[in-house]
């Protein structure tokens, strides 16, 4: 919503990155929240991408998709870099997509009690 569309005197909506940080502060070990933070950071080209990606891998190392950023970064580099990223992904127990957990969390949050 633009400034022109808001009612006069209405507060500006919160910045999505602030909401994500708040959610992470409440549930710091939820990998789907850290993944959402990583996606937000990537879209804004923030300087914390490497730190957030490392945190995701640390709290969800068994998820092969947590290593997807390494594979993307390896594209265009040496074949060894690509192979290493694929080995990391292949060594994980599961390929878990975070959208599923996020959809359930959103539904739960919006459902009246």
PDB file of N, CA and C in Angstrom:
ATOM      1  N   UNK A   1       0.849  -1.162   0.000  1.00  0.00           N
ATOM      2  CA  UNK A   1       0.000   0.000   0.000  1.00  0.00           C
ATOM      3  C   UNK A   1       0.899   1.231   0.000  1.00  0.00           C
ATOM      4  N   UNK A   2       0.612   2.171  -0.880  1.00  0.00           N
ATOM      5  CA  UNK A   2       1.405   3.392  -0.960  1.00  0.00           C
ATOM      6  C   UNK A   2       0.927   4.388   0.087  1.00  0.00           C
ATOM      7  N   UNK A   3       1.721   5.435   0.300  1.00  0.00           N
ATOM      8  CA  UNK A   3       1.339   6.487   1.248  1.00  0.00           C
ATOM      9  C   UNK A   3       0.017   7.135   0.848  1.00  0.00           C
ATOM     10  N   UNK A   4      -0.246   7.240  -0.457  1.00  0.00           N
ATOM     11  CA  UNK A   4      -1.473   7.869  -0.944  1.00  0.00           C
ATOM     12  C   UNK A   4      -2.714   7.040  -0.635  1.00  0.00           C
ATOM     13  N   UNK A   5      -2.572   5.717  -0.491  1.00  0.00           N
ATOM     14  CA  UNK A   5      -3.707   4.833  -0.279  1.00  0.00           C
ATOM     15  C   UNK A   5      -4.080   4.699   1.195  1.00  0.00           C
ATOM     16  N   UNK A   6      -3.196   5.063   2.125  1.00  0.00           N
ATOM     17  CA  UNK A   6      -3.481   4.953   3.549  1.00  0.00           C
ATOM     18  C   UNK A   6      -4.386   6.085   4.002  1.00  0.00           C
ATOM     19  N   UNK A   7      -5.179   5.790   4.998  1.00  0.00           N
ATOM     20  CA  UNK A   7      -6.029   6.827   5.595  1.00  0.00           C
ATOM     21  C   UNK A   7      -5.124   7.873   6.240  1.00  0.00           C
ATOM     22  N   UNK A   8      -5.530   9.118   6.195  1.00  0.00           N
ATOM     23  CA  UNK A   8      -4.714  10.162   6.824  1.00  0.00           C
ATOM     24  C   UNK A   8      -4.450   9.833   8.296  1.00  0.00           C
ATOM     25  N   UNK A   9      -3.199   9.954   8.692  1.00  0.00           N
ATOM     26  CA  UNK A   9      -2.811   9.690  10.077  1.00  0.00           C
ATOM     27  C   UNK A   9      -2.591   8.230  10.405  1.00  0.00           C
ATOM     28  N   UNK A  10      -2.882   7.325   9.452  1.00  0.00           N
ATOM     29  CA  UNK A  10      -2.664   5.897   9.706  1.00  0.00           C
ATOM     30  C   UNK A  10      -1.164   5.614   9.726  1.00  0.00           C
ATOM     31  N   UNK A  11      -0.727   4.773  10.637  1.00  0.00           N
ATOM     32  CA  UNK A  11       0.699   4.466  10.693  1.00  0.00           C
ATOM     33  C   UNK A  11       1.143   3.656   9.477  1.00  0.00           C
ATOM     34  N   UNK A  12       2.391   3.815   9.130  1.00  0.00           N
ATOM     35  CA  UNK A  12       2.952   3.027   8.027  1.00  0.00           C
ATOM     36  C   UNK A  12       2.999   1.560   8.448  1.00  0.00           C
ATOM     37  N   UNK A  13       2.784   0.656   7.502  1.00  0.00           N
ATOM     38  CA  UNK A  13       2.872  -0.768   7.855  1.00  0.00           C
ATOM     39  C   UNK A  13       4.308  -1.101   8.272  1.00  0.00           C
ATOM     40  N   UNK A  14       4.469  -2.085   9.140  1.00  0.00           N
ATOM     41  CA  UNK A  14       5.820  -2.432   9.572  1.00  0.00           C
ATOM     42  C   UNK A  14       6.633  -3.009   8.420  1.00  0.00           C
ATOM     43  N   UNK A  15       7.909  -2.839   8.501  1.00  0.00           N
ATOM     44  CA  UNK A  15       8.829  -3.391   7.514  1.00  0.00           C
ATOM     45  C   UNK A  15       8.826  -4.913   7.654  1.00  0.00           C
ATOM     46  N   UNK A  16       8.675  -5.664   6.550  1.00  0.00           N
ATOM     47  CA  UNK A  16       8.655  -7.128   6.649  1.00  0.00           C
ATOM     48  C   UNK A  16       9.882  -7.703   7.355  1.00  0.00           C
ATOM     49  N   UNK A  17      11.045  -7.123   7.121  1.00  0.00           N
ATOM     50  CA  UNK A  17      12.244  -7.667   7.762  1.00  0.00           C
ATOM     51  C   UNK A  17      12.163  -7.521   9.275  1.00  0.00           C
ATOM     52  N   UNK A  18      11.528  -6.474   9.761  1.00  0.00           N
ATOM     53  CA  UNK A  18      11.358  -6.303  11.208  1.00  0.00           C
ATOM     54  C   UNK A  18      10.400  -7.351  11.776  1.00  0.00           C
ATOM     55  N   UNK A  19       9.354  -7.651  11.027  1.00  0.00           N
ATOM     56  CA  UNK A  19       8.413  -8.684  11.475  1.00  0.00           C
ATOM     57  C   UNK A  19       9.084 -10.055  11.503  1.00  0.00           C
ATOM     58  N   UNK A  20       9.900 -10.329  10.498  1.00  0.00           N
ATOM     59  CA  UNK A  20      10.613 -11.608  10.449  1.00  0.00           C
ATOM     60  C   UNK A  20      11.581 -11.706  11.625  1.00  0.00           C
ATOM     61  N   UNK A  21      12.318 -10.640  11.893  1.00  0.00           N
ATOM     62  CA  UNK A  21      13.246 -10.641  13.022  1.00  0.00           C
ATOM     63  C   UNK A  21      12.506 -10.849  14.336  1.00  0.00           C
ATOM     64  N   UNK A  22      11.349 -10.251  14.472  1.00  0.00           N
ATOM     65  CA  UNK A  22      10.554 -10.424  15.689  1.00  0.00           C
ATOM     66  C   UNK A  22      10.108 -11.875  15.844  1.00  0.00           C
ATOM     67  N   UNK A  23       9.656 -12.476  14.747  1.00  0.00           N
ATOM     68  CA  UNK A  23       9.242 -13.882  14.792  1.00  0.00           C
ATOM     69  C   UNK A  23      10.423 -14.775  15.176  1.00  0.00           C
ATOM     70  N   UNK A  24      11.587 -14.500  14.625  1.00  0.00           N
ATOM     71  CA  UNK A  24      12.771 -15.298  14.944  1.00  0.00           C
ATOM     72  C   UNK A  24      13.166 -15.118  16.404  1.00  0.00           C
ATOM     73  N   UNK A  25      12.993 -13.911  16.932  1.00  0.00           N
ATOM     74  CA  UNK A  25      13.332 -13.706  18.345  1.00  0.00           C
ATOM     75  C   UNK A  25      12.409 -14.527  19.253  1.00  0.00           C
ATOM     76  N   UNK A  26      11.189 -14.778  18.807  1.00  0.00           N
ATOM     77  CA  UNK A  26      10.247 -15.582  19.577  1.00  0.00           C
ATOM     78  C   UNK A  26      10.469 -17.085  19.402  1.00  0.00           C
ATOM     79  N   UNK A  27      10.995 -17.475  18.242  1.00  0.00           N
ATOM     80  CA  UNK A  27      11.227 -18.898  17.941  1.00  0.00           C
ATOM     81  C   UNK A  27      12.536 -19.025  17.163  1.00  0.00           C
ATOM     82  N   UNK A  28      13.670 -18.862  17.851  1.00  0.00           N
ATOM     83  CA  UNK A  28      14.959 -18.775  17.154  1.00  0.00           C
ATOM     84  C   UNK A  28      15.415 -20.043  16.440  1.00  0.00           C
ATOM     85  N   UNK A  29      14.864 -21.185  16.797  1.00  0.00           N
ATOM     86  CA  UNK A  29      15.312 -22.430  16.177  1.00  0.00           C
ATOM     87  C   UNK A  29      14.354 -22.960  15.126  1.00  0.00           C
ATOM     88  N   UNK A  30      13.475 -22.120  14.620  1.00  0.00           N
ATOM     89  CA  UNK A  30      12.552 -22.520  13.560  1.00  0.00           C
ATOM     90  C   UNK A  30      13.199 -22.237  12.214  1.00  0.00           C
ATOM     91  N   UNK A  31      13.653 -23.262  11.512  1.00  0.00           N
ATOM     92  CA  UNK A  31      14.383 -23.038  10.258  1.00  0.00           C
ATOM     93  C   UNK A  31      13.547 -22.354   9.184  1.00  0.00           C
ATOM     94  N   UNK A  32      12.226 -22.572   9.188  1.00  0.00           N
ATOM     95  CA  UNK A  32      11.412 -21.936   8.156  1.00  0.00           C
ATOM     96  C   UNK A  32      11.407 -20.417   8.312  1.00  0.00           C
ATOM     97  N   UNK A  33      11.531 -19.931   9.536  1.00  0.00           N
ATOM     98  CA  UNK A  33      11.605 -18.484   9.749  1.00  0.00           C
ATOM     99  C   UNK A  33      12.946 -17.929   9.284  1.00  0.00           C
ATOM    100  N   UNK A  34      14.009 -18.682   9.549  1.00  0.00           N
ATOM    101  CA  UNK A  34      15.337 -18.248   9.100  1.00  0.00           C
ATOM    102  C   UNK A  34      15.399 -18.288   7.575  1.00  0.00           C
ATOM    103  N   UNK A  35      14.773 -19.292   6.966  1.00  0.00           N
ATOM    104  CA  UNK A  35      14.723 -19.361   5.505  1.00  0.00           C
ATOM    105  C   UNK A  35      13.965 -18.159   4.944  1.00  0.00           C
ATOM    106  N   UNK A  36      12.868 -17.776   5.599  1.00  0.00           N
ATOM    107  CA  UNK A  36      12.110 -16.599   5.165  1.00  0.00           C
ATOM    108  C   UNK A  36      12.970 -15.343   5.281  1.00  0.00           C
ATOM    109  N   UNK A  37      13.743 -15.258   6.355  1.00  0.00           N
ATOM    110  CA  UNK A  37      14.656 -14.127   6.524  1.00  0.00           C
ATOM    111  C   UNK A  37      15.709 -14.117   5.413  1.00  0.00           C
ATOM    112  N   UNK A  38      16.204 -15.292   5.052  1.00  0.00           N
ATOM    113  CA  UNK A  38      17.190 -15.386   3.975  1.00  0.00           C
ATOM    114  C   UNK A  38      16.586 -14.939   2.650  1.00  0.00           C
ATOM    115  N   UNK A  39      15.387 -15.385   2.344  1.00  0.00           N
ATOM    116  CA  UNK A  39      14.725 -14.982   1.096  1.00  0.00           C
ATOM    117  C   UNK A  39      14.489 -13.472   1.064  1.00  0.00           C
ATOM    118  N   UNK A  40      14.077 -12.915   2.186  1.00  0.00           N
ATOM    119  CA  UNK A  40      13.864 -11.470   2.268  1.00  0.00           C
ATOM    120  C   UNK A  40      15.187 -10.736   2.049  1.00  0.00           C
ATOM    121  N   UNK A  41      16.228 -11.213   2.682  1.00  0.00           N
ATOM    122  CA  UNK A  41      17.545 -10.595   2.541  1.00  0.00           C
ATOM    123  C   UNK A  41      18.024 -10.672   1.085  1.00  0.00           C
ATOM    124  N   UNK A  42      17.838 -11.821   0.455  1.00  0.00           N
ATOM    125  CA  UNK A  42      18.247 -11.974  -0.941  1.00  0.00           C
ATOM    126  C   UNK A  42      17.491 -10.997  -1.840  1.00  0.00           C
ATOM    127  N   UNK A  43      16.209 -10.823  -1.587  1.00  0.00           N
ATOM    128  CA  UNK A  43      15.419  -9.931  -2.439  1.00  0.00           C
ATOM    129  C   UNK A  43      15.831  -8.470  -2.255  1.00  0.00           C
ATOM    130  N   UNK A  44      16.284  -8.127  -1.045  1.00  0.00           N
ATOM    131  CA  UNK A  44      16.722  -6.758  -0.779  1.00  0.00           C
ATOM    132  C   UNK A  44      18.231  -6.579  -0.986  1.00  0.00           C
ATOM    133  N   UNK A  45      18.919  -7.671  -1.274  1.00  0.00           N
ATOM    134  CA  UNK A  45      20.382  -7.664  -1.425  1.00  0.00           C
ATOM    135  C   UNK A  45      21.044  -7.061  -0.180  1.00  0.00           C
ATOM    136  N   UNK A  46      20.620  -7.562   0.978  1.00  0.00           N
ATOM    137  CA  UNK A  46      21.188  -7.076   2.234  1.00  0.00           C
ATOM    138  C   UNK A  46      22.568  -7.691   2.453  1.00  0.00           C
ATOM    139  N   UNK A  47      23.312  -7.133   3.331  1.00  0.00           N
ATOM    140  CA  UNK A  47      24.679  -7.591   3.564  1.00  0.00           C
ATOM    141  C   UNK A  47      24.804  -8.795   4.472  1.00  0.00           C
ATOM    142  N   UNK A  48      23.681  -9.302   5.009  1.00  0.00           N
ATOM    143  CA  UNK A  48      23.723 -10.400   5.971  1.00  0.00           C
ATOM    144  C   UNK A  48      23.434 -11.764   5.359  1.00  0.00           C
ATOM    145  N   UNK A  49      23.392 -11.841   4.054  1.00  0.00           N
ATOM    146  CA  UNK A  49      22.991 -13.088   3.399  1.00  0.00           C
ATOM    147  C   UNK A  49      23.846 -14.278   3.826  1.00  0.00           C
ATOM    148  N   UNK A  50      25.164 -14.128   3.826  1.00  0.00           N
ATOM    149  CA  UNK A  50      26.053 -15.239   4.191  1.00  0.00           C
ATOM    150  C   UNK A  50      25.829 -15.672   5.641  1.00  0.00           C
ATOM    151  N   UNK A  51      25.649 -14.700   6.545  1.00  0.00           N
ATOM    152  CA  UNK A  51      25.430 -15.023   7.957  1.00  0.00           C
ATOM    153  C   UNK A  51      24.110 -15.771   8.143  1.00  0.00           C
ATOM    154  N   UNK A  52      23.064 -15.313   7.468  1.00  0.00           N
ATOM    155  CA  UNK A  52      21.750 -15.943   7.598  1.00  0.00           C
ATOM    156  C   UNK A  52      21.784 -17.348   6.998  1.00  0.00           C
ATOM    157  N   UNK A  53      22.430 -17.503   5.850  1.00  0.00           N
ATOM    158  CA  UNK A  53      22.542 -18.828   5.214  1.00  0.00           C
ATOM    159  C   UNK A  53      23.304 -19.793   6.120  1.00  0.00           C
ATOM    160  N   UNK A  54      24.355 -19.319   6.756  1.00  0.00           N
ATOM    161  CA  UNK A  54      25.118 -20.173   7.669  1.00  0.00           C
ATOM    162  C   UNK A  54      24.263 -20.579   8.868  1.00  0.00           C
ATOM    163  N   UNK A  55      23.460 -19.658   9.366  1.00  0.00           N
ATOM    164  CA  UNK A  55      22.562 -19.972  10.492  1.00  0.00           C
ATOM    165  C   UNK A  55      21.549 -21.018  10.090  1.00  0.00           C
ATOM    166  N   UNK A  56      20.992 -20.900   8.888  1.00  0.00           N
ATOM    167  CA  UNK A  56      20.026 -21.884   8.413  1.00  0.00           C
ATOM    168  C   UNK A  56      20.661 -23.265   8.348  1.00  0.00           C
ATOM    169  N   UNK A  57      21.857 -23.348   7.790  1.00  0.00           N
ATOM    170  CA  UNK A  57      22.540 -24.642   7.703  1.00  0.00           C
ATOM    171  C   UNK A  57      22.864 -25.189   9.091  1.00  0.00           C
ATOM    172  N   UNK A  58      23.165 -24.325  10.033  1.00  0.00           N
ATOM    173  CA  UNK A  58      23.498 -24.769  11.388  1.00  0.00           C
ATOM    174  C   UNK A  58      22.273 -25.352  12.107  1.00  0.00           C
ATOM    175  N   UNK A  59      21.105 -24.728  11.928  1.00  0.00           N
ATOM    176  CA  UNK A  59      19.933 -25.220  12.661  1.00  0.00           C
ATOM    177  C   UNK A  59      19.146 -26.274  11.899  1.00  0.00           C
ATOM    178  N   UNK A  60      19.419 -26.461  10.601  1.00  0.00           N
ATOM    179  CA  UNK A  60      18.693 -27.463   9.803  1.00  0.00           C
ATOM    180  C   UNK A  60      19.633 -28.178   8.845  1.00  0.00           C
ATOM    181  N   UNK A  61      20.744 -28.664   9.388  1.00  0.00           N
ATOM    182  CA  UNK A  61      21.766 -29.306   8.556  1.00  0.00           C
ATOM    183  C   UNK A  61      21.272 -30.580   7.877  1.00  0.00           C
ATOM    184  N   UNK A  62      20.243 -31.212   8.423  1.00  0.00           N
ATOM    185  CA  UNK A  62      19.705 -32.440   7.823  1.00  0.00           C
ATOM    186  C   UNK A  62      18.839 -32.174   6.601  1.00  0.00           C
ATOM    187  N   UNK A  63      18.570 -30.908   6.309  1.00  0.00           N
ATOM    188  CA  UNK A  63      17.736 -30.558   5.169  1.00  0.00           C
ATOM    189  C   UNK A  63      18.626 -30.185   3.979  1.00  0.00           C
ATOM    190  N   UNK A  64      18.569 -30.983   2.940  1.00  0.00           N
ATOM    191  CA  UNK A  64      19.376 -30.719   1.753  1.00  0.00           C
ATOM    192  C   UNK A  64      19.093 -29.375   1.118  1.00  0.00           C
ATOM    193  N   UNK A  65      17.863 -28.898   1.220  1.00  0.00           N
ATOM    194  CA  UNK A  65      17.530 -27.624   0.593  1.00  0.00           C
ATOM    195  C   UNK A  65      18.126 -26.430   1.342  1.00  0.00           C
ATOM    196  N   UNK A  66      18.583 -26.635   2.569  1.00  0.00           N
ATOM    197  CA  UNK A  66      19.257 -25.557   3.293  1.00  0.00           C
ATOM    198  C   UNK A  66      20.590 -25.212   2.613  1.00  0.00           C
ATOM    199  N   UNK A  67      21.078 -26.133   1.814  1.00  0.00           N
ATOM    200  CA  UNK A  67      22.360 -25.943   1.123  1.00  0.00           C
ATOM    201  C   UNK A  67      22.175 -25.452  -0.309  1.00  0.00           C
ATOM    202  N   UNK A  68      20.950 -25.166  -0.715  1.00  0.00           N
ATOM    203  CA  UNK A  68      20.670 -24.745  -2.087  1.00  0.00           C
ATOM    204  C   UNK A  68      21.413 -23.466  -2.458  1.00  0.00           C
ATOM    205  N   UNK A  69      21.561 -22.551  -1.524  1.00  0.00           N
ATOM    206  CA  UNK A  69      22.295 -21.317  -1.790  1.00  0.00           C
ATOM    207  C   UNK A  69      23.733 -21.586  -2.193  1.00  0.00           C
ATOM    208  N   UNK A  70      24.346 -22.604  -1.593  1.00  0.00           N
ATOM    209  CA  UNK A  70      25.714 -22.965  -1.967  1.00  0.00           C
ATOM    210  C   UNK A  70      25.775 -23.453  -3.413  1.00  0.00           C
ATOM    211  N   UNK A  71      24.769 -24.225  -3.804  1.00  0.00           N
ATOM    212  CA  UNK A  71      24.719 -24.702  -5.186  1.00  0.00           C
ATOM    213  C   UNK A  71      24.528 -23.533  -6.145  1.00  0.00           C
ATOM    214  N   UNK A  72      23.648 -22.625  -5.818  1.00  0.00           N
ATOM    215  CA  UNK A  72      23.443 -21.444  -6.670  1.00  0.00           C
ATOM    216  C   UNK A  72      24.714 -20.627  -6.787  1.00  0.00           C
ATOM    217  N   UNK A  73      25.410 -20.448  -5.670  1.00  0.00           N
ATOM    218  CA  UNK A  73      26.652 -19.665  -5.673  1.00  0.00           C
ATOM    219  C   UNK A  73      27.758 -20.364  -6.463  1.00  0.00           C
ATOM    220  N   UNK A  74      27.714 -21.683  -6.515  1.00  0.00           N
ATOM    221  CA  UNK A  74      28.754 -22.445  -7.211  1.00  0.00           C
ATOM    222  C   UNK A  74      28.584 -22.414  -8.730  1.00  0.00           C
ATOM    223  N   UNK A  75      27.389 -22.094  -9.200  1.00  0.00           N
ATOM    224  CA  UNK A  75      27.158 -22.038 -10.643  1.00  0.00           C
ATOM    225  C   UNK A  75      28.098 -21.014 -11.261  1.00  0.00           C
ATOM    226  N   UNK A  76      28.759 -21.394 -12.315  1.00  0.00           N
ATOM    227  CA  UNK A  76      29.688 -20.497 -12.989  1.00  0.00           C
ATOM    228  C   UNK A  76      31.085 -20.534 -12.397  1.00  0.00           C
ATOM    229  N   UNK A  77      31.252 -21.272 -11.319  1.00  0.00           N
ATOM    230  CA  UNK A  77      32.586 -21.443 -10.738  1.00  0.00           C
ATOM    231  C   UNK A  77      33.139 -22.767 -11.226  1.00  0.00           C
ATOM    232  N   UNK A  78      34.031 -23.319 -10.491  1.00  0.00           N
ATOM    233  CA  UNK A  78      34.662 -24.573 -10.917  1.00  0.00           C
ATOM    234  C   UNK A  78      33.713 -25.762 -10.747  1.00  0.00           C
ATOM    235  N   UNK A  79      33.900 -26.814 -11.530  1.00  0.00           N
ATOM    236  CA  UNK A  79      33.082 -28.019 -11.358  1.00  0.00           C
ATOM    237  C   UNK A  79      33.223 -28.609  -9.951  1.00  0.00           C
ATOM    238  N   UNK A  80      34.383 -28.413  -9.344  1.00  0.00           N
ATOM    239  CA  UNK A  80      34.592 -28.922  -7.991  1.00  0.00           C
ATOM    240  C   UNK A  80      33.668 -28.226  -6.986  1.00  0.00           C
ATOM    241  N   UNK A  81      33.463 -26.909  -7.166  1.00  0.00           N
ATOM    242  CA  UNK A  81      32.564 -26.173  -6.279  1.00  0.00           C
ATOM    243  C   UNK A  81      31.135 -26.685  -6.412  1.00  0.00           C
ATOM    244  N   UNK A  82      30.722 -26.942  -7.644  1.00  0.00           N
ATOM    245  CA  UNK A  82      29.380 -27.473  -7.880  1.00  0.00           C
ATOM    246  C   UNK A  82      29.258 -28.864  -7.257  1.00  0.00           C
ATOM    247  N   UNK A  83      30.254 -29.694  -7.472  1.00  0.00           N
ATOM    248  CA  UNK A  83      30.244 -31.050  -6.916  1.00  0.00           C
ATOM    249  C   UNK A  83      30.179 -31.009  -5.394  1.00  0.00           C
ATOM    250  N   UNK A  84      30.949 -30.125  -4.778  1.00  0.00           N
ATOM    251  CA  UNK A  84      30.944 -30.016  -3.317  1.00  0.00           C
ATOM    252  C   UNK A  84      29.551 -29.625  -2.805  1.00  0.00           C
ATOM    253  N   UNK A  85      28.910 -28.675  -3.461  1.00  0.00           N
ATOM    254  CA  UNK A  85      27.573 -28.254  -3.035  1.00  0.00           C
ATOM    255  C   UNK A  85      26.577 -29.402  -3.186  1.00  0.00           C
ATOM    256  N   UNK A  86      26.674 -30.145  -4.274  1.00  0.00           N
ATOM    257  CA  UNK A  86      25.775 -31.277  -4.483  1.00  0.00           C
ATOM    258  C   UNK A  86      26.032 -32.368  -3.451  1.00  0.00           C
ATOM    259  N   UNK A  87      27.296 -32.577  -3.103  1.00  0.00           N
ATOM    260  CA  UNK A  87      27.619 -33.559  -2.068  1.00  0.00           C
ATOM    261  C   UNK A  87      27.002 -33.157  -0.724  1.00  0.00           C
ATOM    262  N   UNK A  88      27.058 -31.874  -0.398  1.00  0.00           N
ATOM    263  CA  UNK A  88      26.458 -31.397   0.851  1.00  0.00           C
ATOM    264  C   UNK A  88      24.951 -31.646   0.839  1.00  0.00           C
ATOM    265  N   UNK A  89      24.320 -31.329  -0.266  1.00  0.00           N
ATOM    266  CA  UNK A  89      22.880 -31.530  -0.374  1.00  0.00           C
ATOM    267  C   UNK A  89      22.529 -33.019  -0.323  1.00  0.00           C
ATOM    268  N   UNK A  90      23.323 -33.825  -1.035  1.00  0.00           N
ATOM    269  CA  UNK A  90      23.068 -35.262  -1.089  1.00  0.00           C
ATOM    270  C   UNK A  90      23.327 -35.970   0.228  1.00  0.00           C
ATOM    271  N   UNK A  91      24.184 -35.403   1.060  1.00  0.00           N
ATOM    272  CA  UNK A  91      24.487 -36.011   2.347  1.00  0.00           C
ATOM    273  C   UNK A  91      23.434 -35.731   3.412  1.00  0.00           C
ATOM    274  N   UNK A  92      22.498 -34.885   3.103  1.00  0.00           N
ATOM    275  CA  UNK A  92      21.452 -34.548   4.075  1.00  0.00           C
ATOM    276  C   UNK A  92      20.397 -35.646   4.102  1.00  0.00           C
ATOM    277  N   UNK A  93      19.678 -35.712   5.219  1.00  0.00           N
ATOM    278  CA  UNK A  93      18.654 -36.755   5.380  1.00  0.00           C
ATOM    279  C   UNK A  93      17.402 -36.510   4.559  1.00  0.00           C
ATOM    280  N   UNK A  94      16.964 -35.243   4.446  1.00  0.00           N
ATOM    281  CA  UNK A  94      15.681 -34.943   3.803  1.00  0.00           C
ATOM    282  C   UNK A  94      15.791 -33.694   2.941  1.00  0.00           C
ATOM    283  N   UNK A  95      14.927 -33.579   1.924  1.00  0.00           N
ATOM    284  CA  UNK A  95      14.772 -32.304   1.213  1.00  0.00           C
ATOM    285  C   UNK A  95      13.455 -31.661   1.651  1.00  0.00           C
ATOM    286  N   UNK A  96      13.491 -30.843   2.667  1.00  0.00           N
ATOM    287  CA  UNK A  96      12.270 -30.254   3.233  1.00  0.00           C
ATOM    288  C   UNK A  96      12.063 -28.848   2.670  1.00  0.00           C
ATOM    289  N   UNK A  97      10.876 -28.612   2.113  1.00  0.00           N
ATOM    290  CA  UNK A  97      10.511 -27.302   1.591  1.00  0.00           C
ATOM    291  C   UNK A  97       9.847 -26.521   2.721  1.00  0.00           C
ATOM    292  N   UNK A  98      10.318 -25.317   2.968  1.00  0.00           N
ATOM    293  CA  UNK A  98       9.849 -24.545   4.111  1.00  0.00           C
ATOM    294  C   UNK A  98       8.476 -23.923   3.923  1.00  0.00           C
ATOM    295  N   UNK A  99       8.004 -23.795   2.688  1.00  0.00           N
ATOM    296  CA  UNK A  99       6.699 -23.163   2.466  1.00  0.00           C
ATOM    297  C   UNK A  99       5.584 -23.899   3.189  1.00  0.00           C
ATOM    298  N   UNK A 100       5.699 -25.219   3.304  1.00  0.00           N
ATOM    299  CA  UNK A 100       4.644 -25.989   3.971  1.00  0.00           C
ATOM    300  C   UNK A 100       4.465 -25.531   5.421  1.00  0.00           C
ATOM    301  N   UNK A 101       5.560 -25.464   6.165  1.00  0.00           N
ATOM    302  CA  UNK A 101       5.486 -25.032   7.557  1.00  0.00           C
ATOM    303  C   UNK A 101       4.989 -23.593   7.657  1.00  0.00           C
ATOM    304  N   UNK A 102       5.445 -22.732   6.753  1.00  0.00           N
ATOM    305  CA  UNK A 102       5.030 -21.333   6.784  1.00  0.00           C
ATOM    306  C   UNK A 102       3.531 -21.192   6.510  1.00  0.00           C
ATOM    307  N   UNK A 103       3.011 -21.982   5.593  1.00  0.00           N
ATOM    308  CA  UNK A 103       1.575 -21.920   5.292  1.00  0.00           C
ATOM    309  C   UNK A 103       0.752 -22.346   6.502  1.00  0.00           C
ATOM    310  N   UNK A 104       1.186 -23.397   7.178  1.00  0.00           N
ATOM    311  CA  UNK A 104       0.473 -23.855   8.371  1.00  0.00           C
ATOM    312  C   UNK A 104       0.543 -22.797   9.470  1.00  0.00           C
ATOM    313  N   UNK A 105       1.712 -22.212   9.676  1.00  0.00           N
ATOM    314  CA  UNK A 105       1.855 -21.175  10.701  1.00  0.00           C
ATOM    315  C   UNK A 105       0.950 -19.979  10.393  1.00  0.00           C
ATOM    316  N   UNK A 106       0.880 -19.583   9.136  1.00  0.00           N
ATOM    317  CA  UNK A 106       0.040 -18.452   8.752  1.00  0.00           C
ATOM    318  C   UNK A 106      -1.432 -18.782   8.984  1.00  0.00           C
ATOM    319  N   UNK A 107      -1.840 -19.973   8.592  1.00  0.00           N
ATOM    320  CA  UNK A 107      -3.234 -20.393   8.793  1.00  0.00           C
ATOM    321  C   UNK A 107      -3.582 -20.372  10.277  1.00  0.00           C
ATOM    322  N   UNK A 108      -2.692 -20.939  11.100  1.00  0.00           N
ATOM    323  CA  UNK A 108      -2.936 -20.968  12.553  1.00  0.00           C
ATOM    324  C   UNK A 108      -3.028 -19.562  13.126  1.00  0.00           C
ATOM    325  N   UNK A 109      -2.163 -18.673  12.651  1.00  0.00           N
ATOM    326  CA  UNK A 109      -2.148 -17.306  13.170  1.00  0.00           C
ATOM    327  C   UNK A 109      -3.412 -16.528  12.778  1.00  0.00           C
ATOM    328  N   UNK A 110      -3.980 -16.830  11.630  1.00  0.00           N
ATOM    329  CA  UNK A 110      -5.140 -16.082  11.140  1.00  0.00           C
ATOM    330  C   UNK A 110      -6.489 -16.710  11.490  1.00  0.00           C
ATOM    331  N   UNK A 111      -6.459 -17.926  12.027  1.00  0.00           N
ATOM    332  CA  UNK A 111      -7.694 -18.600  12.380  1.00  0.00           C
ATOM    333  C   UNK A 111      -8.181 -18.099  13.739  1.00  0.00           C
ATOM    334  N   UNK A 112      -9.422 -17.622  13.805  1.00  0.00           N
ATOM    335  CA  UNK A 112      -9.947 -17.167  15.102  1.00  0.00           C
ATOM    336  C   UNK A 112     -10.006 -18.325  16.084  1.00  0.00           C
ATOM    337  N   UNK A 113      -9.732 -18.024  17.333  1.00  0.00           N
ATOM    338  CA  UNK A 113      -9.747 -19.106  18.339  1.00  0.00           C
ATOM    339  C   UNK A 113     -11.116 -19.304  18.931  1.00  0.00           C
TER     340      UNK A 113
END
